PDB file of all heavy atoms in Angstrom:
ATOM      1  N   ARG A   1       3.082 110.991  29.489  1.00  0.00           N
ATOM      2  CA  ARG A   1       4.206 111.910  29.723  1.00  0.00           C
ATOM      3  C   ARG A   1       5.003 112.084  28.397  1.00  0.00           C
ATOM      4  O   ARG A   1       5.601 113.133  28.206  1.00  0.00           O
ATOM      5  CB  ARG A   1       5.121 111.349  30.817  1.00  0.00           C
ATOM      6  CG  ARG A   1       4.561 111.575  32.223  1.00  0.00           C
ATOM      7  CD  ARG A   1       5.473 111.132  33.327  1.00  0.00           C
ATOM      8  NE  ARG A   1       5.597 109.701  33.397  1.00  0.00           N
ATOM      9  CZ  ARG A   1       6.278 109.021  34.301  1.00  0.00           C
ATOM     10  NH1 ARG A   1       6.928 109.711  35.257  1.00  0.00           N
ATOM     11  NH2 ARG A   1       6.335 107.704  34.331  1.00  0.00           N
ATOM     12  N   ASN A   2       5.043 111.082  27.611  1.00  0.00           N
ATOM     13  CA  ASN A   2       5.747 111.134  26.323  1.00  0.00           C
ATOM     14  C   ASN A   2       4.848 110.700  25.181  1.00  0.00           C
ATOM     15  O   ASN A   2       4.737 109.486  24.935  1.00  0.00           O
ATOM     16  CB  ASN A   2       6.996 110.257  26.391  1.00  0.00           C
ATOM     17  CG  ASN A   2       7.870 110.391  25.098  1.00  0.00           C
ATOM     18  OD1 ASN A   2       7.518 111.090  24.159  1.00  0.00           O
ATOM     19  ND2 ASN A   2       8.961 109.672  25.132  1.00  0.00           N
ATOM     20  N   PRO A   3       4.233 111.560  24.485  1.00  0.00           N
ATOM     21  CA  PRO A   3       3.306 111.194  23.370  1.00  0.00           C
ATOM     22  C   PRO A   3       3.931 110.352  22.330  1.00  0.00           C
ATOM     23  O   PRO A   3       3.233 109.618  21.646  1.00  0.00           O
ATOM     24  CB  PRO A   3       2.917 112.547  22.802  1.00  0.00           C
ATOM     25  CG  PRO A   3       3.103 113.555  23.941  1.00  0.00           C
ATOM     26  CD  PRO A   3       4.276 113.070  24.666  1.00  0.00           C
ATOM     27  N   ALA A   4       5.278 110.420  22.124  1.00  0.00           N
ATOM     28  CA  ALA A   4       5.948 109.613  21.102  1.00  0.00           C
ATOM     29  C   ALA A   4       5.827 108.122  21.401  1.00  0.00           C
ATOM     30  O   ALA A   4       5.943 107.277  20.511  1.00  0.00           O
ATOM     31  CB  ALA A   4       7.361 109.968  20.988  1.00  0.00           C
ATOM     32  N   LYS A   5       5.485 107.790  22.667  1.00  0.00           N
ATOM     33  CA  LYS A   5       5.349 106.392  23.051  1.00  0.00           C
ATOM     34  C   LYS A   5       3.935 105.805  22.804  1.00  0.00           C
ATOM     35  O   LYS A   5       3.619 104.665  23.092  1.00  0.00           O
ATOM     36  CB  LYS A   5       5.752 106.171  24.500  1.00  0.00           C
ATOM     37  CG  LYS A   5       7.186 106.384  24.754  1.00  0.00           C
ATOM     38  CD  LYS A   5       7.575 106.018  26.183  1.00  0.00           C
ATOM     39  CE  LYS A   5       9.087 106.174  26.417  1.00  0.00           C
ATOM     40  NZ  LYS A   5       9.475 105.823  27.804  1.00  0.00           N
ATOM     41  N   LEU A   6       3.065 106.692  22.245  1.00  0.00           N
ATOM     42  CA  LEU A   6       1.668 106.223  21.924  1.00  0.00           C
ATOM     43  C   LEU A   6       1.471 106.590  20.395  1.00  0.00           C
ATOM     44  O   LEU A   6       0.721 107.481  20.099  1.00  0.00           O
ATOM     45  CB  LEU A   6       0.653 106.881  22.783  1.00  0.00           C
ATOM     46  CG  LEU A   6      -0.770 106.302  22.711  1.00  0.00           C
ATOM     47  CD1 LEU A   6      -0.776 104.840  23.130  1.00  0.00           C
ATOM     48  CD2 LEU A   6      -1.742 107.135  23.517  1.00  0.00           C
ATOM     49  N   PRO A   7       2.106 105.896  19.500  1.00  0.00           N
ATOM     50  CA  PRO A   7       2.112 106.221  18.042  1.00  0.00           C
ATOM     51  C   PRO A   7       0.885 105.711  17.359  1.00  0.00           C
ATOM     52  O   PRO A   7       0.960 104.874  16.417  1.00  0.00           O
ATOM     53  CB  PRO A   7       3.378 105.596  17.577  1.00  0.00           C
ATOM     54  CG  PRO A   7       3.518 104.372  18.398  1.00  0.00           C
ATOM     55  CD  PRO A   7       2.957 104.702  19.796  1.00  0.00           C
ATOM     56  N   ILE A   8      -0.296 106.164  17.761  1.00  0.00           N
ATOM     57  CA  ILE A   8      -1.503 105.786  17.071  1.00  0.00           C
ATOM     58  C   ILE A   8      -2.334 107.006  16.783  1.00  0.00           C
ATOM     59  O   ILE A   8      -2.206 108.016  17.466  1.00  0.00           O
ATOM     60  CB  ILE A   8      -2.355 104.748  17.892  1.00  0.00           C
ATOM     61  CG1 ILE A   8      -2.810 105.366  19.242  1.00  0.00           C
ATOM     62  CG2 ILE A   8      -1.624 103.463  18.095  1.00  0.00           C
ATOM     63  CD1 ILE A   8      -3.702 104.468  20.022  1.00  0.00           C
ATOM     64  N   THR A   9      -3.180 106.912  15.718  1.00  0.00           N
ATOM     65  CA  THR A   9      -4.047 107.986  15.384  1.00  0.00           C
ATOM     66  C   THR A   9      -5.503 107.432  15.220  1.00  0.00           C
ATOM     67  O   THR A   9      -5.637 106.298  14.770  1.00  0.00           O
ATOM     68  CB  THR A   9      -3.648 108.665  14.106  1.00  0.00           C
ATOM     69  OG1 THR A   9      -3.620 107.713  13.013  1.00  0.00           O
ATOM     70  CG2 THR A   9      -2.302 109.354  14.231  1.00  0.00           C
ATOM     71  N   HIS A  10      -6.441 108.248  15.548  1.00  0.00           N
ATOM     72  CA  HIS A  10      -7.844 107.862  15.408  1.00  0.00           C
ATOM     73  C   HIS A  10      -8.673 109.116  15.475  1.00  0.00           C
ATOM     74  O   HIS A  10      -8.371 110.013  16.233  1.00  0.00           O
ATOM     75  CB  HIS A  10      -8.253 106.875  16.530  1.00  0.00           C
ATOM     76  CG  HIS A  10      -9.588 106.208  16.340  1.00  0.00           C
ATOM     77  ND1 HIS A  10     -10.760 106.824  16.603  1.00  0.00           N
ATOM     78  CD2 HIS A  10      -9.918 104.921  15.960  1.00  0.00           C
ATOM     79  CE1 HIS A  10     -11.757 106.003  16.349  1.00  0.00           C
ATOM     80  NE2 HIS A  10     -11.246 104.832  15.916  1.00  0.00           N
ATOM     81  N   PRO A  11      -9.766 109.198  14.714  1.00  0.00           N
ATOM     82  CA  PRO A  11     -10.556 110.376  14.738  1.00  0.00           C
ATOM     83  C   PRO A  11     -11.155 110.737  16.134  1.00  0.00           C
ATOM     84  O   PRO A  11     -11.492 111.871  16.449  1.00  0.00           O
ATOM     85  CB  PRO A  11     -11.637 110.185  13.708  1.00  0.00           C
ATOM     86  CG  PRO A  11     -11.661 108.733  13.459  1.00  0.00           C
ATOM     87  CD  PRO A  11     -10.188 108.257  13.692  1.00  0.00           C
ATOM     88  N   ASN A  12     -11.317 109.721  16.965  1.00  0.00           N
ATOM     89  CA  ASN A  12     -11.905 109.933  18.308  1.00  0.00           C
ATOM     90  C   ASN A  12     -10.836 109.945  19.445  1.00  0.00           C
ATOM     91  O   ASN A  12     -11.169 109.850  20.584  1.00  0.00           O
ATOM     92  CB  ASN A  12     -12.925 108.868  18.629  1.00  0.00           C
ATOM     93  CG  ASN A  12     -14.168 108.954  17.771  1.00  0.00           C
ATOM     94  OD1 ASN A  12     -14.558 110.075  17.343  1.00  0.00           O
ATOM     95  ND2 ASN A  12     -14.849 107.860  17.504  1.00  0.00           N
ATOM     96  N   LEU A  13      -9.545 110.060  19.012  1.00  0.00           N
ATOM     97  CA  LEU A  13      -8.505 110.076  20.006  1.00  0.00           C
ATOM     98  C   LEU A  13      -7.764 111.384  20.003  1.00  0.00           C
ATOM     99  O   LEU A  13      -7.355 111.889  19.012  1.00  0.00           O
ATOM    100  CB  LEU A  13      -7.466 108.965  19.666  1.00  0.00           C
ATOM    101  CG  LEU A  13      -6.186 108.906  20.533  1.00  0.00           C
ATOM    102  CD1 LEU A  13      -6.520 108.586  21.989  1.00  0.00           C
ATOM    103  CD2 LEU A  13      -5.193 107.876  19.918  1.00  0.00           C
ATOM    104  N   GLN A  14      -7.558 111.944  21.242  1.00  0.00           N
ATOM    105  CA  GLN A  14      -6.720 113.094  21.499  1.00  0.00           C
ATOM    106  C   GLN A  14      -5.649 112.652  22.445  1.00  0.00           C
ATOM    107  O   GLN A  14      -5.929 112.167  23.509  1.00  0.00           O
ATOM    108  CB  GLN A  14      -7.480 114.249  22.047  1.00  0.00           C
ATOM    109  CG  GLN A  14      -6.677 115.503  22.312  1.00  0.00           C
ATOM    110  CD  GLN A  14      -7.460 116.640  22.939  1.00  0.00           C
ATOM    111  OE1 GLN A  14      -8.555 116.412  23.539  1.00  0.00           O
ATOM    112  NE2 GLN A  14      -6.938 117.830  22.922  1.00  0.00           N
ATOM    113  N   ILE A  15      -4.416 112.848  22.050  1.00  0.00           N
ATOM    114  CA  ILE A  15      -3.293 112.515  22.916  1.00  0.00           C
ATOM    115  C   ILE A  15      -2.699 113.831  23.511  1.00  0.00           C
ATOM    116  O   ILE A  15      -2.370 114.791  22.736  1.00  0.00           O
ATOM    117  CB  ILE A  15      -2.166 111.781  22.082  1.00  0.00           C
ATOM    118  CG1 ILE A  15      -2.730 110.461  21.523  1.00  0.00           C
ATOM    119  CG2 ILE A  15      -0.954 111.510  23.032  1.00  0.00           C
ATOM    120  CD1 ILE A  15      -1.765 109.723  20.620  1.00  0.00           C
ATOM    121  N   VAL A  16      -2.596 113.845  24.780  1.00  0.00           N
ATOM    122  CA  VAL A  16      -2.174 115.064  25.503  1.00  0.00           C
ATOM    123  C   VAL A  16      -0.985 114.773  26.414  1.00  0.00           C
ATOM    124  O   VAL A  16      -1.034 113.737  27.110  1.00  0.00           O
ATOM    125  CB  VAL A  16      -3.345 115.676  26.366  1.00  0.00           C
ATOM    126  CG1 VAL A  16      -2.824 116.881  27.130  1.00  0.00           C
ATOM    127  CG2 VAL A  16      -4.494 115.974  25.460  1.00  0.00           C
ATOM    128  N   GLN A  17       0.046 115.560  26.319  1.00  0.00           N
ATOM    129  CA  GLN A  17       1.171 115.346  27.212  1.00  0.00           C
ATOM    130  C   GLN A  17       0.839 115.930  28.588  1.00  0.00           C
ATOM    131  O   GLN A  17       0.462 117.066  28.720  1.00  0.00           O
ATOM    132  CB  GLN A  17       2.380 116.061  26.639  1.00  0.00           C
ATOM    133  CG  GLN A  17       3.692 115.818  27.444  1.00  0.00           C
ATOM    134  CD  GLN A  17       4.932 116.434  26.773  1.00  0.00           C
ATOM    135  OE1 GLN A  17       4.794 117.192  25.880  1.00  0.00           O
ATOM    136  NE2 GLN A  17       6.096 115.985  27.210  1.00  0.00           N
ATOM    137  N   ALA A  18       0.968 115.071  29.612  1.00  0.00           N
ATOM    138  CA  ALA A  18       0.673 115.495  30.985  1.00  0.00           C
ATOM    139  C   ALA A  18       1.371 114.581  31.916  1.00  0.00           C
ATOM    140  O   ALA A  18       1.767 113.408  31.602  1.00  0.00           O
ATOM    141  CB  ALA A  18      -0.824 115.420  31.236  1.00  0.00           C
ATOM    142  N   ASP A  19       1.522 115.000  33.182  1.00  0.00           N
ATOM    143  CA  ASP A  19       2.171 114.248  34.207  1.00  0.00           C
ATOM    144  C   ASP A  19       1.366 114.382  35.461  1.00  0.00           C
ATOM    145  O   ASP A  19       1.175 115.492  36.005  1.00  0.00           O
ATOM    146  CB  ASP A  19       3.581 114.795  34.408  1.00  0.00           C
ATOM    147  CG  ASP A  19       4.447 114.029  35.438  1.00  0.00           C
ATOM    148  OD1 ASP A  19       3.838 113.276  36.238  1.00  0.00           O
ATOM    149  OD2 ASP A  19       5.670 114.191  35.423  1.00  0.00           O
ATOM    150  N   VAL A  20       0.887 113.245  35.992  1.00  0.00           N
ATOM    151  CA  VAL A  20      -0.015 113.276  37.173  1.00  0.00           C
ATOM    152  C   VAL A  20       0.662 113.817  38.387  1.00  0.00           C
ATOM    153  O   VAL A  20      -0.010 114.219  39.353  1.00  0.00           O
ATOM    154  CB  VAL A  20      -0.646 111.904  37.482  1.00  0.00           C
ATOM    155  CG1 VAL A  20      -1.547 111.416  36.348  1.00  0.00           C
ATOM    156  CG2 VAL A  20       0.466 110.882  37.763  1.00  0.00           C
ATOM    157  N   THR A  21       2.006 113.794  38.391  1.00  0.00           N
ATOM    158  CA  THR A  21       2.667 114.409  39.602  1.00  0.00           C
ATOM    159  C   THR A  21       2.838 115.921  39.485  1.00  0.00           C
ATOM    160  O   THR A  21       3.296 116.549  40.435  1.00  0.00           O
ATOM    161  CB  THR A  21       4.075 113.776  39.745  1.00  0.00           C
ATOM    162  OG1 THR A  21       4.868 114.121  38.633  1.00  0.00           O
ATOM    163  CG2 THR A  21       3.967 112.275  39.883  1.00  0.00           C
ATOM    164  N   ARG A  22       2.403 116.462  38.323  1.00  0.00           N
ATOM    165  CA  ARG A  22       2.483 117.892  38.144  1.00  0.00           C
ATOM    166  C   ARG A  22       1.063 118.405  37.870  1.00  0.00           C
ATOM    167  O   ARG A  22       0.569 118.388  36.733  1.00  0.00           O
ATOM    168  CB  ARG A  22       3.404 118.222  36.951  1.00  0.00           C
ATOM    169  CG  ARG A  22       4.814 117.802  37.169  1.00  0.00           C
ATOM    170  CD  ARG A  22       5.701 118.094  35.920  1.00  0.00           C
ATOM    171  NE  ARG A  22       7.006 117.605  36.111  1.00  0.00           N
ATOM    172  CZ  ARG A  22       8.003 118.278  36.655  1.00  0.00           C
ATOM    173  NH1 ARG A  22       7.763 119.498  37.118  1.00  0.00           N
ATOM    174  NH2 ARG A  22       9.232 117.766  36.795  1.00  0.00           N
ATOM    175  N   PRO A  23       0.368 118.875  38.934  1.00  0.00           N
ATOM    176  CA  PRO A  23      -1.070 119.188  38.792  1.00  0.00           C
ATOM    177  C   PRO A  23      -1.384 120.208  37.716  1.00  0.00           C
ATOM    178  O   PRO A  23      -2.437 120.170  37.128  1.00  0.00           O
ATOM    179  CB  PRO A  23      -1.440 119.648  40.212  1.00  0.00           C
ATOM    180  CG  PRO A  23      -0.104 119.957  40.911  1.00  0.00           C
ATOM    181  CD  PRO A  23       0.884 119.071  40.290  1.00  0.00           C
ATOM    182  N   LEU A  24      -0.493 121.132  37.504  1.00  0.00           N
ATOM    183  CA  LEU A  24      -0.763 122.193  36.518  1.00  0.00           C
ATOM    184  C   LEU A  24      -0.887 121.584  35.111  1.00  0.00           C
ATOM    185  O   LEU A  24      -1.635 122.095  34.297  1.00  0.00           O
ATOM    186  CB  LEU A  24       0.294 123.267  36.499  1.00  0.00           C
ATOM    187  CG  LEU A  24       0.340 124.176  37.689  1.00  0.00           C
ATOM    188  CD1 LEU A  24       1.448 125.200  37.582  1.00  0.00           C
ATOM    189  CD2 LEU A  24      -1.035 124.958  37.803  1.00  0.00           C
ATOM    190  N   SER A  25      -0.245 120.426  34.882  1.00  0.00           N
ATOM    191  CA  SER A  25      -0.319 119.819  33.533  1.00  0.00           C
ATOM    192  C   SER A  25      -1.698 119.140  33.288  1.00  0.00           C
ATOM    193  O   SER A  25      -1.998 118.839  32.169  1.00  0.00           O
ATOM    194  CB  SER A  25       0.841 118.786  33.349  1.00  0.00           C
ATOM    195  OG  SER A  25       0.585 117.589  34.139  1.00  0.00           O
ATOM    196  N   LEU A  26      -2.463 118.951  34.376  1.00  0.00           N
ATOM    197  CA  LEU A  26      -3.801 118.337  34.267  1.00  0.00           C
ATOM    198  C   LEU A  26      -4.907 119.396  34.184  1.00  0.00           C
ATOM    199  O   LEU A  26      -6.036 119.059  33.859  1.00  0.00           O
ATOM    200  CB  LEU A  26      -4.066 117.424  35.487  1.00  0.00           C
ATOM    201  CG  LEU A  26      -3.105 116.351  35.763  1.00  0.00           C
ATOM    202  CD1 LEU A  26      -3.481 115.596  37.005  1.00  0.00           C
ATOM    203  CD2 LEU A  26      -3.033 115.331  34.603  1.00  0.00           C
ATOM    204  N   SER A  27      -4.581 120.637  34.447  1.00  0.00           N
ATOM    205  CA  SER A  27      -5.544 121.722  34.597  1.00  0.00           C
ATOM    206  C   SER A  27      -6.443 121.816  33.355  1.00  0.00           C
ATOM    207  O   SER A  27      -5.917 122.015  32.243  1.00  0.00           O
ATOM    208  CB  SER A  27      -4.876 123.054  34.872  1.00  0.00           C
ATOM    209  OG  SER A  27      -5.850 124.055  35.079  1.00  0.00           O
ATOM    210  N   GLY A  28      -7.707 121.710  33.563  1.00  0.00           N
ATOM    211  CA  GLY A  28      -8.710 121.891  32.477  1.00  0.00           C
ATOM    212  C   GLY A  28      -8.900 120.751  31.553  1.00  0.00           C
ATOM    213  O   GLY A  28      -9.779 120.775  30.685  1.00  0.00           O
TER     214      GLY A  28
END
């Protein structure tokens, strides 16, 4: 929900802001 709380980087990591209680944020 808050990407700032996962302050790591890696070439195989993609961080996406989403909320499981909001289905549209999971779409695709």
